[in-house]
Amino acid sequence: MRHELDHIDEQIIKLLHENARIPLKTIASQVFLSSPAVSARIERLEQAGIITGYTAKVNPAELGYHIKAFINLEVNPGQKKDFYPYIKSCNNVIECNCVTGDYAMLVEVMFKSTEELDHFIGELQTFGSTKTQIVFSTSVEHRGIPLSTEEE
């Protein structure tokens, strides 16, 4: 179900996406509403499932995670009932998507070493064949989705 957002809702989402810790008072001054009105809009956006949570950006390299990789995995449909709980339990998995194409899954992972990545790939291969791409650099970091009033 698509929710209609007005330009103020979009501005609030953009501000929160840029800084989830932005004070309500600051948002209110930028969208020309009172803090209680902004708070009510945010609560409505949360209840509608548009805002689903708040996170902190963390620099993986500062925590020792220097290896980022994307792993394509061929999983037979009958194995998915075992695969999904397994992959959800893997702390190094950043994201896992069921995709179209030659492979069924695209798994994004972060590891401290290539040895750890190699061990994980070996575990994944119990579900099917893999194809791995190690990231050298990232030209565009993860960002929010464009809102209708933003330029494309």
N, C-alpha and C. Protein backbone atom coordinates (compact mmCIF):
# COMPACT_ATOMS: atom_id res chain seq x y z
N MET A 1 0.84 -1.19 0.00
CA MET A 1 0.00 0.00 0.00
C MET A 1 0.89 1.25 0.00
N ARG A 2 0.69 2.10 -0.93
CA ARG A 2 1.47 3.34 -1.06
C ARG A 2 0.86 4.41 -0.18
N HIS A 3 1.70 5.05 0.60
CA HIS A 3 1.26 6.16 1.44
C HIS A 3 1.61 7.46 0.76
N GLU A 4 0.68 8.39 0.76
CA GLU A 4 0.94 9.70 0.18
C GLU A 4 1.66 10.57 1.20
N LEU A 5 2.77 11.12 0.78
CA LEU A 5 3.56 12.00 1.63
C LEU A 5 3.49 13.42 1.08
N ASP A 6 3.33 14.38 1.95
CA ASP A 6 3.42 15.76 1.48
C ASP A 6 4.88 16.21 1.58
N HIS A 7 5.17 17.41 1.11
CA HIS A 7 6.55 17.89 1.07
C HIS A 7 7.16 18.00 2.47
N ILE A 8 6.34 18.25 3.47
CA ILE A 8 6.85 18.35 4.85
C ILE A 8 7.28 16.97 5.34
N ASP A 9 6.45 15.94 5.10
CA ASP A 9 6.84 14.57 5.46
C ASP A 9 8.16 14.20 4.79
N GLU A 10 8.28 14.53 3.52
CA GLU A 10 9.50 14.22 2.78
C GLU A 10 10.71 14.93 3.36
N GLN A 11 10.53 16.20 3.75
CA GLN A 11 11.63 16.94 4.37
C GLN A 11 12.03 16.31 5.70
N ILE A 12 11.04 15.92 6.48
CA ILE A 12 11.32 15.28 7.78
C ILE A 12 12.09 13.99 7.57
N ILE A 13 11.67 13.17 6.63
CA ILE A 13 12.37 11.91 6.34
C ILE A 13 13.79 12.19 5.90
N LYS A 14 13.97 13.16 5.02
CA LYS A 14 15.31 13.50 4.53
C LYS A 14 16.21 13.94 5.69
N LEU A 15 15.69 14.79 6.57
CA LEU A 15 16.49 15.27 7.71
C LEU A 15 16.85 14.12 8.64
N LEU A 16 15.89 13.24 8.92
CA LEU A 16 16.16 12.09 9.79
C LEU A 16 17.14 11.13 9.14
N HIS A 17 17.05 11.01 7.83
CA HIS A 17 17.96 10.10 7.14
C HIS A 17 19.38 10.62 7.18
N GLU A 18 19.53 11.93 7.09
CA GLU A 18 20.86 12.53 7.17
C GLU A 18 21.43 12.43 8.58
N ASN A 19 20.57 12.55 9.58
CA ASN A 19 21.00 12.49 10.98
C ASN A 19 19.84 12.04 11.84
N ALA A 20 19.82 10.78 12.20
CA ALA A 20 18.71 10.22 12.98
C ALA A 20 18.63 10.83 14.38
N ARG A 21 19.68 11.50 14.82
CA ARG A 21 19.69 12.10 16.15
C ARG A 21 19.38 13.60 16.14
N ILE A 22 18.93 14.10 15.02
CA ILE A 22 18.61 15.52 14.90
C ILE A 22 17.50 15.86 15.90
N PRO A 23 17.65 16.93 16.65
CA PRO A 23 16.61 17.30 17.62
C PRO A 23 15.30 17.71 16.93
N LEU A 24 14.18 17.39 17.57
CA LEU A 24 12.88 17.77 17.02
C LEU A 24 12.80 19.28 16.79
N LYS A 25 13.38 20.03 17.70
CA LYS A 25 13.36 21.49 17.60
C LYS A 25 14.03 21.95 16.30
N THR A 26 15.12 21.30 15.92
CA THR A 26 15.83 21.65 14.68
C THR A 26 14.98 21.30 13.47
N ILE A 27 14.37 20.12 13.49
CA ILE A 27 13.48 19.73 12.39
C ILE A 27 12.34 20.74 12.28
N ALA A 28 11.74 21.04 13.42
CA ALA A 28 10.59 21.97 13.44
C ALA A 28 10.95 23.31 12.82
N SER A 29 12.13 23.82 13.14
CA SER A 29 12.51 25.12 12.59
C SER A 29 12.74 25.05 11.08
N GLN A 30 13.17 23.89 10.59
CA GLN A 30 13.45 23.77 9.15
C GLN A 30 12.20 23.50 8.32
N VAL A 31 11.16 22.92 8.95
CA VAL A 31 9.93 22.64 8.20
C VAL A 31 8.81 23.60 8.60
N PHE A 32 9.13 24.56 9.47
CA PHE A 32 8.19 25.60 9.88
C PHE A 32 6.94 25.06 10.57
N LEU A 33 7.16 24.09 11.47
CA LEU A 33 6.09 23.55 12.31
C LEU A 33 6.55 23.57 13.75
N SER A 34 5.64 23.32 14.66
CA SER A 34 6.00 23.21 16.07
C SER A 34 6.63 21.84 16.33
N SER A 35 7.38 21.74 17.40
CA SER A 35 7.98 20.45 17.77
C SER A 35 6.91 19.38 17.99
N PRO A 36 5.79 19.67 18.69
CA PRO A 36 4.75 18.64 18.83
C PRO A 36 4.15 18.19 17.49
N ALA A 37 4.02 19.13 16.54
CA ALA A 37 3.48 18.76 15.23
C ALA A 37 4.46 17.84 14.49
N VAL A 38 5.76 18.13 14.60
CA VAL A 38 6.77 17.28 13.98
C VAL A 38 6.77 15.91 14.64
N SER A 39 6.69 15.89 15.94
CA SER A 39 6.65 14.63 16.68
C SER A 39 5.46 13.78 16.24
N ALA A 40 4.31 14.41 16.07
CA ALA A 40 3.11 13.69 15.63
C ALA A 40 3.29 13.14 14.22
N ARG A 41 3.91 13.91 13.35
CA ARG A 41 4.16 13.43 11.98
C ARG A 41 5.12 12.25 11.97
N ILE A 42 6.17 12.34 12.78
CA ILE A 42 7.13 11.23 12.85
C ILE A 42 6.44 9.98 13.38
N GLU A 43 5.63 10.13 14.40
CA GLU A 43 4.91 8.98 14.95
C GLU A 43 3.98 8.37 13.91
N ARG A 44 3.30 9.23 13.12
CA ARG A 44 2.42 8.73 12.05
C ARG A 44 3.23 7.98 10.99
N LEU A 45 4.41 8.51 10.63
CA LEU A 45 5.27 7.85 9.65
C LEU A 45 5.78 6.51 10.17
N GLU A 46 6.05 6.42 11.46
CA GLU A 46 6.47 5.16 12.07
C GLU A 46 5.32 4.15 12.07
N GLN A 47 4.14 4.60 12.47
CA GLN A 47 2.98 3.71 12.52
C GLN A 47 2.58 3.21 11.14
N ALA A 48 2.81 4.04 10.12
CA ALA A 48 2.49 3.65 8.74
C ALA A 48 3.55 2.70 8.16
N GLY A 49 4.64 2.50 8.91
CA GLY A 49 5.69 1.61 8.42
C GLY A 49 6.63 2.27 7.42
N ILE A 50 6.55 3.58 7.29
CA ILE A 50 7.46 4.30 6.38
C ILE A 50 8.81 4.47 7.04
N ILE A 51 8.82 4.92 8.29
CA ILE A 51 10.05 4.95 9.08
C ILE A 51 10.05 3.67 9.90
N THR A 52 11.05 2.84 9.67
CA THR A 52 11.09 1.52 10.32
C THR A 52 12.14 1.39 11.40
N GLY A 53 12.95 2.42 11.59
CA GLY A 53 13.97 2.34 12.62
C GLY A 53 15.01 3.44 12.44
N TYR A 54 15.95 3.47 13.36
CA TYR A 54 17.00 4.48 13.37
C TYR A 54 18.33 3.76 13.60
N THR A 55 19.36 4.17 12.86
CA THR A 55 20.65 3.50 12.98
C THR A 55 21.79 4.50 13.08
N ALA A 56 22.94 4.00 13.49
CA ALA A 56 24.16 4.79 13.51
C ALA A 56 25.07 4.26 12.39
N LYS A 57 25.73 5.16 11.68
CA LYS A 57 26.70 4.74 10.67
C LYS A 57 28.00 4.42 11.39
N VAL A 58 28.57 3.28 11.08
CA VAL A 58 29.80 2.82 11.72
C VAL A 58 30.84 2.58 10.63
N ASN A 59 32.08 2.95 10.90
CA ASN A 59 33.17 2.72 9.96
C ASN A 59 33.71 1.31 10.21
N PRO A 60 33.42 0.35 9.32
CA PRO A 60 33.85 -1.04 9.54
C PRO A 60 35.37 -1.18 9.68
N ALA A 61 36.13 -0.40 8.92
CA ALA A 61 37.60 -0.51 8.97
C ALA A 61 38.12 -0.17 10.36
N GLU A 62 37.49 0.77 11.03
CA GLU A 62 37.92 1.14 12.39
C GLU A 62 37.67 0.02 13.39
N LEU A 63 36.81 -0.92 13.03
CA LEU A 63 36.54 -2.08 13.89
C LEU A 63 37.27 -3.32 13.39
N GLY A 64 38.13 -3.14 12.40
CA GLY A 64 38.94 -4.25 11.91
C GLY A 64 38.35 -5.01 10.74
N TYR A 65 37.20 -4.57 10.22
CA TYR A 65 36.58 -5.27 9.09
C TYR A 65 37.05 -4.63 7.79
N HIS A 66 38.08 -5.25 7.19
CA HIS A 66 38.71 -4.69 6.00
C HIS A 66 38.28 -5.41 4.72
N ILE A 67 37.56 -6.52 4.84
CA ILE A 67 37.17 -7.30 3.67
C ILE A 67 35.65 -7.23 3.52
N LYS A 68 35.21 -6.60 2.42
CA LYS A 68 33.80 -6.57 2.07
C LYS A 68 33.65 -7.37 0.79
N ALA A 69 32.63 -8.21 0.74
CA ALA A 69 32.45 -9.04 -0.45
C ALA A 69 30.97 -9.27 -0.73
N PHE A 70 30.70 -9.56 -1.99
CA PHE A 70 29.37 -9.97 -2.43
C PHE A 70 29.50 -11.40 -2.91
N ILE A 71 28.65 -12.26 -2.39
CA ILE A 71 28.70 -13.68 -2.74
C ILE A 71 27.39 -14.06 -3.41
N ASN A 72 27.49 -14.55 -4.63
CA ASN A 72 26.33 -15.13 -5.31
C ASN A 72 26.27 -16.59 -4.91
N LEU A 73 25.09 -17.05 -4.54
CA LEU A 73 24.92 -18.43 -4.08
C LEU A 73 23.75 -19.08 -4.80
N GLU A 74 24.00 -20.27 -5.32
CA GLU A 74 22.95 -21.05 -5.96
C GLU A 74 22.32 -21.94 -4.88
N VAL A 75 21.05 -21.66 -4.55
CA VAL A 75 20.34 -22.44 -3.53
C VAL A 75 19.11 -23.05 -4.18
N ASN A 76 18.96 -24.34 -4.05
CA ASN A 76 17.76 -24.99 -4.57
C ASN A 76 16.57 -24.59 -3.70
N PRO A 77 15.38 -24.44 -4.30
CA PRO A 77 14.21 -24.02 -3.54
C PRO A 77 13.95 -24.88 -2.30
N GLY A 78 14.20 -26.17 -2.38
CA GLY A 78 13.98 -27.06 -1.24
C GLY A 78 14.91 -26.80 -0.07
N GLN A 79 16.04 -26.14 -0.32
CA GLN A 79 17.01 -25.86 0.74
C GLN A 79 16.74 -24.55 1.47
N LYS A 80 15.84 -23.74 0.94
CA LYS A 80 15.62 -22.41 1.52
C LYS A 80 15.15 -22.48 2.97
N LYS A 81 14.37 -23.50 3.32
CA LYS A 81 13.88 -23.59 4.70
C LYS A 81 15.03 -23.81 5.68
N ASP A 82 16.12 -24.42 5.24
CA ASP A 82 17.32 -24.57 6.09
C ASP A 82 18.27 -23.39 5.92
N PHE A 83 18.31 -22.83 4.71
CA PHE A 83 19.24 -21.75 4.42
C PHE A 83 18.89 -20.47 5.18
N TYR A 84 17.62 -20.06 5.16
CA TYR A 84 17.24 -18.78 5.77
C TYR A 84 17.59 -18.69 7.25
N PRO A 85 17.27 -19.68 8.07
CA PRO A 85 17.69 -19.58 9.49
C PRO A 85 19.22 -19.54 9.64
N TYR A 86 19.91 -20.31 8.80
CA TYR A 86 21.38 -20.33 8.85
C TYR A 86 21.94 -18.93 8.56
N ILE A 87 21.50 -18.33 7.45
CA ILE A 87 22.08 -17.06 7.02
C ILE A 87 21.73 -15.94 8.00
N LYS A 88 20.55 -16.02 8.60
CA LYS A 88 20.15 -15.01 9.60
C LYS A 88 21.03 -15.09 10.85
N SER A 89 21.58 -16.26 11.13
CA SER A 89 22.41 -16.44 12.31
C SER A 89 23.87 -16.02 12.09
N CYS A 90 24.24 -15.70 10.88
CA CYS A 90 25.63 -15.34 10.55
C CYS A 90 25.85 -13.84 10.77
N ASN A 91 26.63 -13.51 11.80
CA ASN A 91 26.85 -12.11 12.16
C ASN A 91 27.59 -11.31 11.10
N ASN A 92 28.37 -11.94 10.27
CA ASN A 92 29.15 -11.22 9.26
C ASN A 92 28.32 -10.90 8.02
N VAL A 93 27.10 -11.42 7.95
CA VAL A 93 26.23 -11.13 6.82
C VAL A 93 25.56 -9.78 7.05
N ILE A 94 25.82 -8.86 6.15
CA ILE A 94 25.25 -7.51 6.21
C ILE A 94 23.86 -7.51 5.60
N GLU A 95 23.71 -8.24 4.50
CA GLU A 95 22.42 -8.30 3.81
C GLU A 95 22.39 -9.55 2.96
N CYS A 96 21.20 -10.12 2.82
CA CYS A 96 21.02 -11.28 1.95
C CYS A 96 19.73 -11.07 1.17
N ASN A 97 19.84 -11.17 -0.15
CA ASN A 97 18.69 -10.95 -1.02
C ASN A 97 18.47 -12.15 -1.92
N CYS A 98 17.21 -12.53 -2.10
CA CYS A 98 16.82 -13.54 -3.09
C CYS A 98 16.70 -12.79 -4.41
N VAL A 99 17.44 -13.23 -5.44
CA VAL A 99 17.55 -12.47 -6.68
C VAL A 99 17.24 -13.33 -7.91
N THR A 100 17.07 -12.66 -9.04
CA THR A 100 16.89 -13.36 -10.30
C THR A 100 18.26 -13.63 -10.92
N GLY A 101 18.29 -14.46 -11.92
CA GLY A 101 19.54 -14.71 -12.63
C GLY A 101 20.08 -16.10 -12.37
N ASP A 102 21.37 -16.27 -12.60
CA ASP A 102 22.00 -17.58 -12.48
C ASP A 102 22.09 -18.07 -11.04
N TYR A 103 22.10 -17.15 -10.09
CA TYR A 103 22.20 -17.51 -8.68
C TYR A 103 20.93 -17.07 -7.96
N ALA A 104 20.58 -17.77 -6.91
CA ALA A 104 19.34 -17.47 -6.19
C ALA A 104 19.53 -16.40 -5.12
N MET A 105 20.72 -16.31 -4.54
CA MET A 105 20.96 -15.40 -3.43
C MET A 105 22.15 -14.49 -3.72
N LEU A 106 22.05 -13.26 -3.22
CA LEU A 106 23.17 -12.33 -3.24
C LEU A 106 23.41 -11.94 -1.79
N VAL A 107 24.59 -12.29 -1.28
CA VAL A 107 24.91 -12.10 0.12
C VAL A 107 26.04 -11.08 0.24
N GLU A 108 25.80 -10.02 1.02
CA GLU A 108 26.84 -9.03 1.30
C GLU A 108 27.43 -9.34 2.67
N VAL A 109 28.76 -9.42 2.73
CA VAL A 109 29.42 -9.80 3.98
C VAL A 109 30.59 -8.86 4.28
N MET A 110 30.98 -8.82 5.56
CA MET A 110 32.16 -8.09 6.02
C MET A 110 32.98 -9.02 6.91
N PHE A 111 34.28 -9.11 6.64
CA PHE A 111 35.17 -9.95 7.44
C PHE A 111 36.45 -9.21 7.76
N LYS A 112 37.13 -9.67 8.79
CA LYS A 112 38.40 -9.07 9.18
C LYS A 112 39.55 -9.59 8.33
N SER A 113 39.39 -10.78 7.75
CA SER A 113 40.48 -11.35 6.96
C SER A 113 39.93 -12.20 5.82
N THR A 114 40.78 -12.43 4.81
CA THR A 114 40.38 -13.30 3.70
C THR A 114 40.25 -14.74 4.17
N GLU A 115 41.00 -15.12 5.22
CA GLU A 115 40.88 -16.47 5.75
C GLU A 115 39.48 -16.72 6.32
N GLU A 116 38.95 -15.71 7.05
CA GLU A 116 37.59 -15.84 7.58
C GLU A 116 36.57 -15.91 6.46
N LEU A 117 36.76 -15.08 5.42
CA LEU A 117 35.86 -15.10 4.26
C LEU A 117 35.91 -16.45 3.58
N ASP A 118 37.09 -17.00 3.40
CA ASP A 118 37.25 -18.30 2.76
C ASP A 118 36.53 -19.39 3.55
N HIS A 119 36.65 -19.36 4.86
CA HIS A 119 35.97 -20.34 5.71
C HIS A 119 34.45 -20.22 5.54
N PHE A 120 33.94 -18.98 5.54
CA PHE A 120 32.50 -18.75 5.38
C PHE A 120 32.01 -19.26 4.03
N ILE A 121 32.76 -18.99 2.96
CA ILE A 121 32.38 -19.47 1.63
C ILE A 121 32.29 -20.99 1.62
N GLY A 122 33.23 -21.64 2.29
CA GLY A 122 33.18 -23.10 2.40
C GLY A 122 31.90 -23.57 3.07
N GLU A 123 31.46 -22.87 4.10
CA GLU A 123 30.19 -23.22 4.76
C GLU A 123 29.01 -23.00 3.81
N LEU A 124 29.04 -21.88 3.09
CA LEU A 124 27.94 -21.59 2.15
C LEU A 124 27.83 -22.64 1.06
N GLN A 125 28.96 -23.20 0.66
CA GLN A 125 28.95 -24.16 -0.44
C GLN A 125 28.26 -25.47 -0.09
N THR A 126 27.89 -25.65 1.17
CA THR A 126 27.04 -26.81 1.52
C THR A 126 25.64 -26.61 0.96
N PHE A 127 25.27 -25.36 0.64
CA PHE A 127 23.95 -25.07 0.07
C PHE A 127 23.98 -25.00 -1.45
N GLY A 128 25.15 -24.79 -2.06
CA GLY A 128 25.24 -24.71 -3.50
C GLY A 128 26.51 -24.00 -3.94
N SER A 129 26.67 -23.84 -5.24
CA SER A 129 27.88 -23.20 -5.76
C SER A 129 27.85 -21.70 -5.51
N THR A 130 29.03 -21.12 -5.43
CA THR A 130 29.16 -19.70 -5.14
C THR A 130 30.02 -19.00 -6.18
N LYS A 131 29.87 -17.70 -6.24
CA LYS A 131 30.73 -16.82 -7.03
C LYS A 131 30.93 -15.58 -6.17
N THR A 132 32.18 -15.26 -5.87
CA THR A 132 32.47 -14.19 -4.91
C THR A 132 33.18 -13.03 -5.59
N GLN A 133 32.78 -11.82 -5.19
CA GLN A 133 33.44 -10.60 -5.64
C GLN A 133 33.88 -9.84 -4.38
N ILE A 134 35.17 -9.57 -4.27
CA ILE A 134 35.69 -8.79 -3.15
C ILE A 134 35.74 -7.33 -3.59
N VAL A 135 35.27 -6.45 -2.72
CA VAL A 135 35.18 -5.02 -3.01
C VAL A 135 36.54 -4.36 -2.77
N PHE A 136 37.03 -3.62 -3.76
CA PHE A 136 38.26 -2.84 -3.61
C PHE A 136 37.95 -1.46 -3.03
N SER A 137 36.90 -0.82 -3.55
CA SER A 137 36.52 0.50 -3.06
C SER A 137 35.03 0.71 -3.34
N THR A 138 34.46 1.70 -2.67
CA THR A 138 33.04 2.01 -2.83
C THR A 138 32.91 3.47 -3.23
N SER A 139 32.39 3.71 -4.42
CA SER A 139 32.27 5.09 -4.91
C SER A 139 31.01 5.78 -4.42
N VAL A 140 29.97 5.00 -4.10
CA VAL A 140 28.73 5.55 -3.56
C VAL A 140 28.35 4.70 -2.35
N GLU A 141 28.37 5.32 -1.17
CA GLU A 141 27.98 4.62 0.06
C GLU A 141 26.47 4.40 0.06
N HIS A 142 26.02 3.48 0.91
CA HIS A 142 24.59 3.24 1.05
C HIS A 142 23.91 4.57 1.39
N ARG A 143 22.84 4.86 0.70
CA ARG A 143 22.11 6.10 0.94
C ARG A 143 20.63 5.82 0.87
N GLY A 144 19.87 6.78 1.29
CA GLY A 144 18.42 6.62 1.29
C GLY A 144 17.84 6.64 -0.10
N ILE A 145 16.60 6.23 -0.17
CA ILE A 145 15.91 6.25 -1.46
C ILE A 145 15.52 7.69 -1.80
N PRO A 146 15.47 8.03 -3.08
CA PRO A 146 15.06 9.38 -3.44
C PRO A 146 13.57 9.57 -3.16
N LEU A 147 13.23 10.73 -2.64
CA LEU A 147 11.83 11.07 -2.41
C LEU A 147 11.33 11.84 -3.61
N SER A 148 10.03 11.90 -3.81
CA SER A 148 9.46 12.45 -5.04
C SER A 148 9.83 13.90 -5.30
N THR A 149 10.09 14.70 -4.27
CA THR A 149 10.42 16.10 -4.51
C THR A 149 11.91 16.31 -4.75
N GLU A 150 12.73 15.26 -4.55
CA GLU A 150 14.16 15.39 -4.78
C GLU A 150 14.45 15.19 -6.26
N GLU A 151 15.55 15.79 -6.71
CA GLU A 151 15.97 15.59 -8.09
C GLU A 151 16.51 14.18 -8.27
N GLU A 152 16.26 13.62 -9.44
CA GLU A 152 16.73 12.26 -9.71
C GLU A 152 18.08 12.28 -10.36
